[in-house]
Amino acid sequence: IIPGKEQNEKYERGEVIVTGQGRLNADGKRVAMEVKKGDRVWYKRGYDSEDVEMDGVEYVLTSEGNVLAIEK
């Protein structure tokens, strides 16, 4: 389910190319990522997303918190 589009937010669909190791919780333990390489996801573009280009290909760097849905 994708929430309704608000006036100043932009939702996009993409494929996960690579993920990080996960985040550290308050106890200092690593919390694994829920998304994995190859997942098709819907995500929210925000101030914490970054567009980058490598070898002529454009990518979006964003946090897992911006992922709204994983397609199955």
Protein backbone atom coordinates (compact mmCIF):
# COMPACT_ATOMS: atom_id res chain seq x y z
CA ILE A 1 0.00 0.00 0.00
CA ILE A 2 1.40 3.39 -0.99
CA PRO A 3 0.08 6.34 1.03
CA GLY A 4 -1.61 9.22 -0.79
CA LYS A 5 0.75 11.72 -2.35
CA GLU A 6 1.02 14.93 -0.38
CA GLN A 7 1.51 18.21 -2.15
CA ASN A 8 5.23 18.62 -1.42
CA GLU A 9 6.36 14.99 -1.33
CA LYS A 10 7.48 12.84 -4.22
CA TYR A 11 7.28 9.05 -4.19
CA GLU A 12 9.40 7.03 -6.57
CA ARG A 13 10.02 3.40 -7.45
CA GLY A 14 13.46 1.88 -7.78
CA GLU A 15 15.64 -1.15 -7.36
CA VAL A 16 18.01 -1.58 -4.43
CA ILE A 17 21.54 -1.85 -5.83
CA VAL A 18 23.49 -1.99 -2.57
CA THR A 19 22.80 -1.57 1.15
CA GLY A 20 24.80 -0.62 4.17
CA GLN A 21 25.44 -2.78 7.23
CA GLY A 22 22.42 -1.47 9.12
CA ARG A 23 22.15 0.98 11.98
CA LEU A 24 23.20 0.82 15.60
CA ASN A 25 20.41 0.84 18.18
CA ALA A 26 20.55 2.56 21.58
CA ASP A 27 22.34 -0.50 23.06
CA GLY A 28 25.04 -0.33 20.39
CA LYS A 29 23.82 -3.50 18.65
CA ARG A 30 23.59 -3.64 14.86
CA VAL A 31 20.05 -3.73 13.44
CA ALA A 32 20.04 -5.51 10.08
CA MET A 33 18.55 -3.85 7.01
CA GLU A 34 15.10 -5.04 5.94
CA VAL A 35 15.75 -4.25 2.28
CA LYS A 36 18.24 -6.24 0.27
CA LYS A 37 19.96 -6.04 -3.09
CA GLY A 38 17.50 -6.62 -5.93
CA ASP A 39 14.37 -5.54 -4.01
CA ARG A 40 11.97 -3.29 -5.93
CA VAL A 41 10.89 -0.54 -3.55
CA TRP A 42 8.75 2.58 -3.35
CA TYR A 43 10.55 5.37 -1.52
CA LYS A 44 10.07 8.98 -0.52
CA ARG A 45 12.41 11.65 -1.85
CA GLY A 46 13.40 13.96 0.95
CA TYR A 47 16.01 16.39 2.16
CA ASP A 48 18.10 13.42 3.27
CA SER A 49 18.18 11.83 -0.21
CA GLU A 50 21.14 12.52 -2.46
CA ASP A 51 21.43 12.16 -6.25
CA VAL A 52 24.80 10.86 -7.41
CA GLU A 53 26.22 9.86 -10.79
CA MET A 54 28.80 7.13 -11.29
CA ASP A 55 30.07 5.93 -14.66
CA GLY A 56 27.27 7.82 -16.41
CA VAL A 57 24.51 6.18 -14.33
CA GLU A 58 22.37 8.23 -11.92
CA TYR A 59 21.62 6.78 -8.48
CA VAL A 60 19.71 7.95 -5.42
CA LEU A 61 21.25 7.52 -1.98
CA THR A 62 18.63 7.44 0.75
CA SER A 63 18.04 5.90 4.15
CA GLU A 64 15.97 2.80 4.76
CA GLY A 65 13.57 5.02 6.71
CA ASN A 66 12.47 6.56 3.40
CA VAL A 67 11.38 3.17 2.00
CA LEU A 68 7.58 3.02 2.02
CA ALA A 69 7.03 -0.45 0.53
CA ILE A 70 8.90 -3.47 -0.80
CA GLU A 71 7.27 -5.13 -3.80
CA LYS A 72 6.81 -8.89 -3.53
